[in-house]
Amino acid sequence: MKFPLFVLSTVVLLGGCQSTAFDLKDDVLFQQTIPVCTTDDECEKIWNAARQWVIKATPQGLATDTSERIQTNAADDESFIWETDITVSKAPLGDGKYQIIMETGCSTTINSCDTERRLMRQFNKDMARYVSSSQSQEVLRIFAEGDNMNALFSSYAASLTEADLRQHARKYYLPTTIIGGDNVRQLNSTDEVITFLKETRARIGDGKIARIEAKKRQLLSSNRTTAIVKLQWGFYDSSDDLQYTQKATYNLIKVGKGWKIIFVSFDE
């Protein structure tokens, strides 16, 4: 079953500091649990629930409340009460289905945005009760099992030593197919995966790379055992200057409670 997408976001102003956009595509657990309403009755229930959720989530009240948009009054950055700017929009998917899109952001220059990330995830979890039973069960299962792809990609970001590379290489489901341009390569063992990772690093200037970050992650499709994820790798030197970027699409398979890589396509 292809799991439907429902996009959520929020804008938070923190004590007079200018906020920057919080990229929701970076939170794969959030994307995996996005609900979608599929009937008029279901959409009405989830929209009413979303309105009440926003009212309870922040104290500043609503500036806009229509059938397609819910938006809070602007947060007072001088208030002693924590306020959060939230916008929820209804976006059509066709065939009577709608995404309920909630937007937010936070100042990534002064905090980790963990509070906003938890808020987004909680919204998905709370809204799950208002969609179909099969979708609701899948959302709650993912939250209960900690079905999170972030661990897969963060492990490679930390793989800067031989031991790290070997540990990350175990997250490939063998044999793995690698496509880069016109080149097709099959990796049949953990050692071959390690060799491939080392060659990739050498090609981009291995000695200069001090940090790797998975950016602009987008979950293209997902169900209980398979997923397709598109992202852009950023390679940074010791001064934290971006040296190289690489776009890639990953086909993943669920093994136990963890995800493994079974196919990779690199944009040259």
C-alpha atoms as a PDB file:
ATOM      1  CA  MET A   1       0.000   0.000   0.000  1.00  0.00           C
ATOM      2  CA  LYS A   2       1.393   3.356  -0.980  1.00  0.00           C
ATOM      3  CA  PHE A   3       1.089   5.617   2.044  1.00  0.00           C
ATOM      4  CA  PRO A   4      -0.484   9.029   1.306  1.00  0.00           C
ATOM      5  CA  LEU A   5       1.279  12.236   2.063  1.00  0.00           C
ATOM      6  CA  PHE A   6       0.054  15.058   4.238  1.00  0.00           C
ATOM      7  CA  VAL A   7       2.390  17.994   4.673  1.00  0.00           C
ATOM      8  CA  LEU A   8       2.710  19.976   7.886  1.00  0.00           C
ATOM      9  CA  SER A   9       4.753  23.065   8.752  1.00  0.00           C
ATOM     10  CA  THR A  10       4.882  25.917  11.411  1.00  0.00           C
ATOM     11  CA  VAL A  11       6.519  29.374  11.824  1.00  0.00           C
ATOM     12  CA  VAL A  12       7.963  30.239  15.210  1.00  0.00           C
ATOM     13  CA  LEU A  13       9.390  33.652  16.131  1.00  0.00           C
ATOM     14  CA  LEU A  14      11.836  33.531  19.004  1.00  0.00           C
ATOM     15  CA  GLY A  15      12.492  36.554  21.194  1.00  0.00           C
ATOM     16  CA  GLY A  16      13.141  39.157  18.512  1.00  0.00           C
ATOM     17  CA  CYS A  17      15.420  36.889  16.463  1.00  0.00           C
ATOM     18  CA  GLN A  18      14.749  36.550  12.759  1.00  0.00           C
ATOM     19  CA  SER A  19      13.435  33.115  11.821  1.00  0.00           C
ATOM     20  CA  THR A  20      14.525  31.002   8.890  1.00  0.00           C
ATOM     21  CA  ALA A  21      12.448  28.400   7.047  1.00  0.00           C
ATOM     22  CA  PHE A  22      12.461  24.958   8.633  1.00  0.00           C
ATOM     23  CA  ASP A  23      12.753  22.380   5.879  1.00  0.00           C
ATOM     24  CA  LEU A  24      10.134  19.721   6.593  1.00  0.00           C
ATOM     25  CA  LYS A  25      11.607  17.410   3.982  1.00  0.00           C
ATOM     26  CA  ASP A  26      14.497  16.772   6.346  1.00  0.00           C
ATOM     27  CA  ASP A  27      12.216  14.953   8.818  1.00  0.00           C
ATOM     28  CA  VAL A  28      11.514  11.564   7.287  1.00  0.00           C
ATOM     29  CA  LEU A  29       9.550  10.254  10.289  1.00  0.00           C
ATOM     30  CA  PHE A  30       7.210  13.193   9.834  1.00  0.00           C
ATOM     31  CA  GLN A  31       6.812  12.435   6.138  1.00  0.00           C
ATOM     32  CA  GLN A  32       6.145   8.767   6.858  1.00  0.00           C
ATOM     33  CA  THR A  33       3.218   9.673   9.114  1.00  0.00           C
ATOM     34  CA  ILE A  34       1.497  12.412   7.095  1.00  0.00           C
ATOM     35  CA  PRO A  35      -2.307  11.750   6.993  1.00  0.00           C
ATOM     36  CA  VAL A  36      -4.644  12.536   4.105  1.00  0.00           C
ATOM     37  CA  CYS A  37      -8.438  12.831   4.188  1.00  0.00           C
ATOM     38  CA  THR A  38     -10.211  10.892   1.428  1.00  0.00           C
ATOM     39  CA  THR A  39     -13.953  11.623   1.882  1.00  0.00           C
ATOM     40  CA  ASP A  40     -16.018  14.758   2.589  1.00  0.00           C
ATOM     41  CA  ASP A  41     -16.927  13.495   6.054  1.00  0.00           C
ATOM     42  CA  GLU A  42     -13.327  12.582   6.869  1.00  0.00           C
ATOM     43  CA  CYS A  43     -12.053  15.955   5.613  1.00  0.00           C
ATOM     44  CA  GLU A  44     -14.611  17.853   7.695  1.00  0.00           C
ATOM     45  CA  LYS A  45     -13.672  15.902  10.828  1.00  0.00           C
ATOM     46  CA  ILE A  46      -9.920  16.383  10.415  1.00  0.00           C
ATOM     47  CA  TRP A  47     -10.320  20.073   9.535  1.00  0.00           C
ATOM     48  CA  ASN A  48     -12.390  20.724  12.674  1.00  0.00           C
ATOM     49  CA  ALA A  49      -9.849  18.753  14.695  1.00  0.00           C
ATOM     50  CA  ALA A  50      -6.954  20.717  13.166  1.00  0.00           C
ATOM     51  CA  ARG A  51      -8.654  24.012  14.107  1.00  0.00           C
ATOM     52  CA  GLN A  52      -9.079  22.953  17.735  1.00  0.00           C
ATOM     53  CA  TRP A  53      -5.523  21.601  17.815  1.00  0.00           C
ATOM     54  CA  VAL A  54      -4.084  24.944  16.659  1.00  0.00           C
ATOM     55  CA  ILE A  55      -6.190  26.895  19.185  1.00  0.00           C
ATOM     56  CA  LYS A  56      -4.895  24.703  22.006  1.00  0.00           C
ATOM     57  CA  ALA A  57      -1.286  24.666  20.718  1.00  0.00           C
ATOM     58  CA  THR A  58      -0.713  28.433  20.968  1.00  0.00           C
ATOM     59  CA  PRO A  59      -2.482  31.284  22.821  1.00  0.00           C
ATOM     60  CA  GLN A  60      -2.651  34.098  20.267  1.00  0.00           C
ATOM     61  CA  GLY A  61      -5.918  33.063  18.573  1.00  0.00           C
ATOM     62  CA  LEU A  62      -6.917  32.836  14.921  1.00  0.00           C
ATOM     63  CA  ALA A  63      -6.578  35.585  12.324  1.00  0.00           C
ATOM     64  CA  THR A  64      -8.001  33.457   9.482  1.00  0.00           C
ATOM     65  CA  ASP A  65     -10.521  30.623   9.747  1.00  0.00           C
ATOM     66  CA  THR A  66     -11.999  29.471   6.422  1.00  0.00           C
ATOM     67  CA  SER A  67     -12.735  26.124   4.796  1.00  0.00           C
ATOM     68  CA  GLU A  68      -9.283  26.123   3.168  1.00  0.00           C
ATOM     69  CA  ARG A  69      -7.002  28.018   5.559  1.00  0.00           C
ATOM     70  CA  ILE A  70      -6.463  28.353   9.314  1.00  0.00           C
ATOM     71  CA  GLN A  71      -3.895  30.908  10.463  1.00  0.00           C
ATOM     72  CA  THR A  72      -3.021  32.302  13.872  1.00  0.00           C
ATOM     73  CA  ASN A  73      -2.510  35.940  14.742  1.00  0.00           C
ATOM     74  CA  ALA A  74       1.151  36.930  14.577  1.00  0.00           C
ATOM     75  CA  ALA A  75       3.153  35.883  17.621  1.00  0.00           C
ATOM     76  CA  ASP A  76       4.203  38.654  19.983  1.00  0.00           C
ATOM     77  CA  ASP A  77       7.977  38.294  20.274  1.00  0.00           C
ATOM     78  CA  GLU A  78       7.927  40.386  23.461  1.00  0.00           C
ATOM     79  CA  SER A  79       5.327  38.229  25.193  1.00  0.00           C
ATOM     80  CA  PHE A  80       6.227  36.192  28.256  1.00  0.00           C
ATOM     81  CA  ILE A  81       3.898  33.450  26.962  1.00  0.00           C
ATOM     82  CA  TRP A  82       5.315  31.028  24.383  1.00  0.00           C
ATOM     83  CA  GLU A  83       3.540  31.758  21.102  1.00  0.00           C
ATOM     84  CA  THR A  84       3.822  29.935  17.804  1.00  0.00           C
ATOM     85  CA  ASP A  85       2.730  31.146  14.368  1.00  0.00           C
ATOM     86  CA  ILE A  86       0.846  28.278  12.705  1.00  0.00           C
ATOM     87  CA  THR A  87      -0.830  28.056   9.305  1.00  0.00           C
ATOM     88  CA  VAL A  88      -2.889  25.071   8.172  1.00  0.00           C
ATOM     89  CA  SER A  89      -3.947  24.817   4.518  1.00  0.00           C
ATOM     90  CA  LYS A  90      -6.105  22.328   2.614  1.00  0.00           C
ATOM     91  CA  ALA A  91      -4.454  21.302  -0.657  1.00  0.00           C
ATOM     92  CA  PRO A  92      -6.306  19.119  -3.212  1.00  0.00           C
ATOM     93  CA  LEU A  93      -4.720  15.883  -4.418  1.00  0.00           C
ATOM     94  CA  GLY A  94      -7.531  14.986  -6.806  1.00  0.00           C
ATOM     95  CA  ASP A  95     -10.309  12.398  -6.545  1.00  0.00           C
ATOM     96  CA  GLY A  96     -11.713  14.159  -3.479  1.00  0.00           C
ATOM     97  CA  LYS A  97      -8.515  13.698  -1.440  1.00  0.00           C
ATOM     98  CA  TYR A  98      -6.789  16.541   0.407  1.00  0.00           C
ATOM     99  CA  GLN A  99      -3.508  17.198   2.131  1.00  0.00           C
ATOM    100  CA  ILE A 100      -3.824  19.195   5.334  1.00  0.00           C
ATOM    101  CA  ILE A 101      -0.678  21.323   5.251  1.00  0.00           C
ATOM    102  CA  MET A 102       0.506  22.940   8.495  1.00  0.00           C
ATOM    103  CA  GLU A 103       3.491  25.302   8.212  1.00  0.00           C
ATOM    104  CA  THR A 104       6.036  26.401  10.778  1.00  0.00           C
ATOM    105  CA  GLY A 105       9.655  27.486  11.056  1.00  0.00           C
ATOM    106  CA  CYS A 106      12.266  28.305  13.617  1.00  0.00           C
ATOM    107  CA  SER A 107      15.595  30.077  13.928  1.00  0.00           C
ATOM    108  CA  THR A 108      18.079  27.333  13.118  1.00  0.00           C
ATOM    109  CA  THR A 109      20.923  29.752  13.872  1.00  0.00           C
ATOM    110  CA  ILE A 110      20.140  29.752  17.592  1.00  0.00           C
ATOM    111  CA  ASN A 111      18.538  26.369  18.313  1.00  0.00           C
ATOM    112  CA  SER A 112      18.076  22.852  16.949  1.00  0.00           C
ATOM    113  CA  CYS A 113      14.349  23.254  16.200  1.00  0.00           C
ATOM    114  CA  ASP A 114      13.661  20.077  18.195  1.00  0.00           C
ATOM    115  CA  THR A 115      10.563  21.653  19.771  1.00  0.00           C
ATOM    116  CA  GLU A 116       9.116  22.449  16.342  1.00  0.00           C
ATOM    117  CA  ARG A 117       9.995  18.988  15.036  1.00  0.00           C
ATOM    118  CA  ARG A 118       8.203  17.383  17.993  1.00  0.00           C
ATOM    119  CA  LEU A 119       5.218  19.670  17.396  1.00  0.00           C
ATOM    120  CA  MET A 120       4.959  18.584  13.759  1.00  0.00           C
ATOM    121  CA  ARG A 121       5.180  14.920  14.639  1.00  0.00           C
ATOM    122  CA  GLN A 122       2.594  15.315  17.409  1.00  0.00           C
ATOM    123  CA  PHE A 123       0.176  16.951  14.971  1.00  0.00           C
ATOM    124  CA  ASN A 124       0.440  13.936  12.648  1.00  0.00           C
ATOM    125  CA  LYS A 125      -0.069  11.546  15.531  1.00  0.00           C
ATOM    126  CA  ASP A 126      -3.081  13.443  16.881  1.00  0.00           C
ATOM    127  CA  MET A 127      -4.704  13.772  13.453  1.00  0.00           C
ATOM    128  CA  ALA A 128      -4.335  10.036  12.749  1.00  0.00           C
ATOM    129  CA  ARG A 129      -7.540   9.307  14.658  1.00  0.00           C
ATOM    130  CA  TYR A 130      -9.581  11.264  12.097  1.00  0.00           C
ATOM    131  CA  VAL A 131      -8.542   9.373   8.955  1.00  0.00           C
ATOM    132  CA  SER A 132      -9.260   5.851   7.725  1.00  0.00           C
ATOM    133  CA  SER A 133      -8.576   3.028  10.159  1.00  0.00           C
ATOM    134  CA  SER A 134      -5.901   1.445   7.943  1.00  0.00           C
ATOM    135  CA  GLN A 135      -4.044   4.729   7.577  1.00  0.00           C
ATOM    136  CA  SER A 136      -4.409   5.475  11.272  1.00  0.00           C
ATOM    137  CA  GLN A 137      -3.011   2.085  12.244  1.00  0.00           C
ATOM    138  CA  GLU A 138      -0.013   2.582   9.955  1.00  0.00           C
ATOM    139  CA  VAL A 139       0.733   6.023  11.425  1.00  0.00           C
ATOM    140  CA  LEU A 140       0.514   4.749  14.998  1.00  0.00           C
ATOM    141  CA  ARG A 141       2.612   1.677  14.142  1.00  0.00           C
ATOM    142  CA  ILE A 142       5.403   3.858  12.785  1.00  0.00           C
ATOM    143  CA  PHE A 143       5.400   6.028  15.907  1.00  0.00           C
ATOM    144  CA  ALA A 144       5.282   2.972  18.207  1.00  0.00           C
ATOM    145  CA  GLU A 145       8.162   1.187  16.455  1.00  0.00           C
ATOM    146  CA  GLY A 146      10.292   4.287  15.935  1.00  0.00           C
ATOM    147  CA  ASP A 147      10.221   3.575  12.195  1.00  0.00           C
ATOM    148  CA  ASN A 148      12.645   6.375  11.353  1.00  0.00           C
ATOM    149  CA  MET A 149      14.879   6.584   8.270  1.00  0.00           C
ATOM    150  CA  ASN A 150      16.916   9.418   9.756  1.00  0.00           C
ATOM    151  CA  ALA A 151      19.178   6.883  11.474  1.00  0.00           C
ATOM    152  CA  LEU A 152      20.115   5.346   8.117  1.00  0.00           C
ATOM    153  CA  PHE A 153      21.320   8.585   6.554  1.00  0.00           C
ATOM    154  CA  SER A 154      22.859  10.067   9.705  1.00  0.00           C
ATOM    155  CA  SER A 155      25.045   6.958  10.045  1.00  0.00           C
ATOM    156  CA  TYR A 156      26.686   7.700   6.695  1.00  0.00           C
ATOM    157  CA  ALA A 157      27.119  11.334   7.686  1.00  0.00           C
ATOM    158  CA  ALA A 158      29.202  10.123  10.616  1.00  0.00           C
ATOM    159  CA  SER A 159      31.186   7.554   8.614  1.00  0.00           C
ATOM    160  CA  LEU A 160      34.608   9.169   8.533  1.00  0.00           C
ATOM    161  CA  THR A 161      36.729   6.276   9.777  1.00  0.00           C
ATOM    162  CA  GLU A 162      37.304   2.693   8.564  1.00  0.00           C
ATOM    163  CA  ALA A 163      35.196   1.315  11.426  1.00  0.00           C
ATOM    164  CA  ASP A 164      32.400   3.807  10.710  1.00  0.00           C
ATOM    165  CA  LEU A 165      32.378   2.896   7.044  1.00  0.00           C
ATOM    166  CA  ARG A 166      32.148  -0.807   7.840  1.00  0.00           C
ATOM    167  CA  GLN A 167      29.254  -0.180  10.220  1.00  0.00           C
ATOM    168  CA  HIS A 168      27.419   1.880   7.608  1.00  0.00           C
ATOM    169  CA  ALA A 169      28.147  -0.677   4.878  1.00  0.00           C
ATOM    170  CA  ARG A 170      26.105  -3.221   6.839  1.00  0.00           C
ATOM    171  CA  LYS A 171      23.071  -1.073   6.115  1.00  0.00           C
ATOM    172  CA  TYR A 172      23.189  -2.079   2.458  1.00  0.00           C
ATOM    173  CA  TYR A 173      20.949  -5.013   1.530  1.00  0.00           C
ATOM    174  CA  LEU A 174      23.079  -7.208  -0.724  1.00  0.00           C
ATOM    175  CA  PRO A 175      23.312  -7.389  -3.606  1.00  0.00           C
ATOM    176  CA  THR A 176      22.902  -3.628  -4.040  1.00  0.00           C
ATOM    177  CA  THR A 177      22.687  -1.944  -7.450  1.00  0.00           C
ATOM    178  CA  ILE A 178      24.426   1.414  -7.984  1.00  0.00           C
ATOM    179  CA  ILE A 179      23.702   3.587 -11.021  1.00  0.00           C
ATOM    180  CA  GLY A 180      25.725   6.702 -11.850  1.00  0.00           C
ATOM    181  CA  GLY A 181      25.189   8.120 -15.313  1.00  0.00           C
ATOM    182  CA  ASP A 182      25.742   5.282 -17.801  1.00  0.00           C
ATOM    183  CA  ASN A 183      27.566   3.125 -15.244  1.00  0.00           C
ATOM    184  CA  VAL A 184      25.731   0.266 -13.534  1.00  0.00           C
ATOM    185  CA  ARG A 185      27.465  -1.547 -10.713  1.00  0.00           C
ATOM    186  CA  GLN A 186      26.402  -4.401  -8.444  1.00  0.00           C
ATOM    187  CA  LEU A 187      27.840  -4.691  -4.934  1.00  0.00           C
ATOM    188  CA  ASN A 188      27.782  -8.269  -3.642  1.00  0.00           C
ATOM    189  CA  SER A 189      29.587  -8.019  -0.297  1.00  0.00           C
ATOM    190  CA  THR A 190      30.227  -5.649   2.578  1.00  0.00           C
ATOM    191  CA  ASP A 191      33.842  -5.247   1.430  1.00  0.00           C
ATOM    192  CA  GLU A 192      32.643  -4.174  -2.021  1.00  0.00           C
ATOM    193  CA  VAL A 193      30.355  -1.583  -0.414  1.00  0.00           C
ATOM    194  CA  ILE A 194      33.267  -0.209   1.623  1.00  0.00           C
ATOM    195  CA  THR A 195      35.411  -0.014  -1.518  1.00  0.00           C
ATOM    196  CA  PHE A 196      32.616   1.863  -3.284  1.00  0.00           C
ATOM    197  CA  LEU A 197      32.272   4.350  -0.397  1.00  0.00           C
ATOM    198  CA  LYS A 198      36.029   4.939  -0.324  1.00  0.00           C
ATOM    199  CA  GLU A 199      36.122   5.504  -4.090  1.00  0.00           C
ATOM    200  CA  THR A 200      33.309   8.011  -3.781  1.00  0.00           C
ATOM    201  CA  ARG A 201      35.198   9.931  -1.093  1.00  0.00           C
ATOM    202  CA  ALA A 202      38.422   9.872  -3.074  1.00  0.00           C
ATOM    203  CA  ARG A 203      36.658  11.241  -6.136  1.00  0.00           C
ATOM    204  CA  ILE A 204      35.376  14.270  -4.213  1.00  0.00           C
ATOM    205  CA  GLY A 205      38.574  14.991  -2.297  1.00  0.00           C
ATOM    206  CA  ASP A 206      38.516  12.671   0.691  1.00  0.00           C
ATOM    207  CA  GLY A 207      41.239  14.485   2.623  1.00  0.00           C
ATOM    208  CA  LYS A 208      39.281  17.728   2.710  1.00  0.00           C
ATOM    209  CA  ILE A 209      35.983  16.299   3.933  1.00  0.00           C
ATOM    210  CA  ALA A 210      35.286  16.670   7.650  1.00  0.00           C
ATOM    211  CA  ARG A 211      31.475  16.439   7.693  1.00  0.00           C
ATOM    212  CA  ILE A 212      28.741  14.980   5.511  1.00  0.00           C
ATOM    213  CA  GLU A 213      25.108  16.031   5.714  1.00  0.00           C
ATOM    214  CA  ALA A 214      21.977  14.607   4.078  1.00  0.00           C
ATOM    215  CA  LYS A 215      20.022  17.650   2.887  1.00  0.00           C
ATOM    216  CA  LYS A 216      16.715  18.292   1.095  1.00  0.00           C
ATOM    217  CA  ARG A 217      15.334  14.851   1.836  1.00  0.00           C
ATOM    218  CA  GLN A 218      12.066  14.005   0.106  1.00  0.00           C
ATOM    219  CA  LEU A 219      10.073  10.843   0.703  1.00  0.00           C
ATOM    220  CA  LEU A 220       8.679   9.893  -2.721  1.00  0.00           C
ATOM    221  CA  SER A 221       6.758   6.794  -1.583  1.00  0.00           C
ATOM    222  CA  SER A 222       6.551   4.534   1.435  1.00  0.00           C
ATOM    223  CA  ASN A 223       4.768   1.499   2.824  1.00  0.00           C
ATOM    224  CA  ARG A 224       5.492  -0.992   5.587  1.00  0.00           C
ATOM    225  CA  THR A 225       8.506  -2.646   3.907  1.00  0.00           C
ATOM    226  CA  THR A 226       9.722  -0.421   1.060  1.00  0.00           C
ATOM    227  CA  ALA A 227      10.407   3.272   0.450  1.00  0.00           C
ATOM    228  CA  ILE A 228      11.958   5.634  -2.090  1.00  0.00           C
ATOM    229  CA  VAL A 229      13.874   8.666  -0.809  1.00  0.00           C
ATOM    230  CA  LYS A 230      15.492  11.478  -2.794  1.00  0.00           C
ATOM    231  CA  LEU A 231      18.122  13.698  -1.183  1.00  0.00           C
ATOM    232  CA  GLN A 232      21.211  15.829  -1.700  1.00  0.00           C
ATOM    233  CA  TRP A 233      24.447  15.052   0.098  1.00  0.00           C
ATOM    234  CA  GLY A 234      26.525  18.023   1.237  1.00  0.00           C
ATOM    235  CA  PHE A 235      30.268  17.500   1.828  1.00  0.00           C
ATOM    236  CA  TYR A 236      31.958  20.064   4.130  1.00  0.00           C
ATOM    237  CA  ASP A 237      35.610  20.758   4.959  1.00  0.00           C
ATOM    238  CA  SER A 238      37.103  21.425   8.409  1.00  0.00           C
ATOM    239  CA  SER A 239      36.068  25.090   8.148  1.00  0.00           C
ATOM    240  CA  ASP A 240      32.508  23.895   7.513  1.00  0.00           C
ATOM    241  CA  ASP A 241      32.544  25.256   3.974  1.00  0.00           C
ATOM    242  CA  LEU A 242      30.542  23.281   1.418  1.00  0.00           C
ATOM    243  CA  GLN A 243      32.944  21.588  -1.024  1.00  0.00           C
ATOM    244  CA  TYR A 244      30.686  19.337  -3.041  1.00  0.00           C
ATOM    245  CA  THR A 245      27.066  18.247  -3.451  1.00  0.00           C
ATOM    246  CA  GLN A 246      25.650  15.011  -4.812  1.00  0.00           C
ATOM    247  CA  LYS A 247      21.986  14.264  -5.537  1.00  0.00           C
ATOM    248  CA  ALA A 248      20.836  10.678  -5.117  1.00  0.00           C
ATOM    249  CA  THR A 249      17.692   8.551  -5.046  1.00  0.00           C
ATOM    250  CA  TYR A 250      17.562   5.544  -2.704  1.00  0.00           C
ATOM    251  CA  ASN A 251      15.291   2.505  -2.825  1.00  0.00           C
ATOM    252  CA  LEU A 252      15.033   1.112   0.691  1.00  0.00           C
ATOM    253  CA  ILE A 253      13.822  -2.150   2.174  1.00  0.00           C
ATOM    254  CA  LYS A 254      12.742  -2.754   5.777  1.00  0.00           C
ATOM    255  CA  VAL A 255      14.642  -5.522   7.565  1.00  0.00           C
ATOM    256  CA  GLY A 256      13.447  -6.036  11.133  1.00  0.00           C
ATOM    257  CA  LYS A 257      13.030  -2.546  12.566  1.00  0.00           C
ATOM    258  CA  GLY A 258      15.698  -0.901  10.415  1.00  0.00           C
ATOM    259  CA  TRP A 259      15.928   0.311   6.820  1.00  0.00           C
ATOM    260  CA  LYS A 260      18.570  -0.907   4.372  1.00  0.00           C
ATOM    261  CA  ILE A 261      19.676   0.367   0.969  1.00  0.00           C
ATOM    262  CA  ILE A 262      18.941  -1.912  -1.979  1.00  0.00           C
ATOM    263  CA  PHE A 263      19.322   0.488  -4.941  1.00  0.00           C
ATOM    264  CA  VAL A 264      21.000   3.886  -5.456  1.00  0.00           C
ATOM    265  CA  SER A 265      20.857   6.207  -8.436  1.00  0.00           C
ATOM    266  CA  PHE A 266      23.252   9.184  -8.493  1.00  0.00           C
ATOM    267  CA  ASP A 267      22.659  12.307 -10.570  1.00  0.00           C
ATOM    268  CA  GLU A 268      25.923  13.068 -12.337  1.00  0.00           C
END
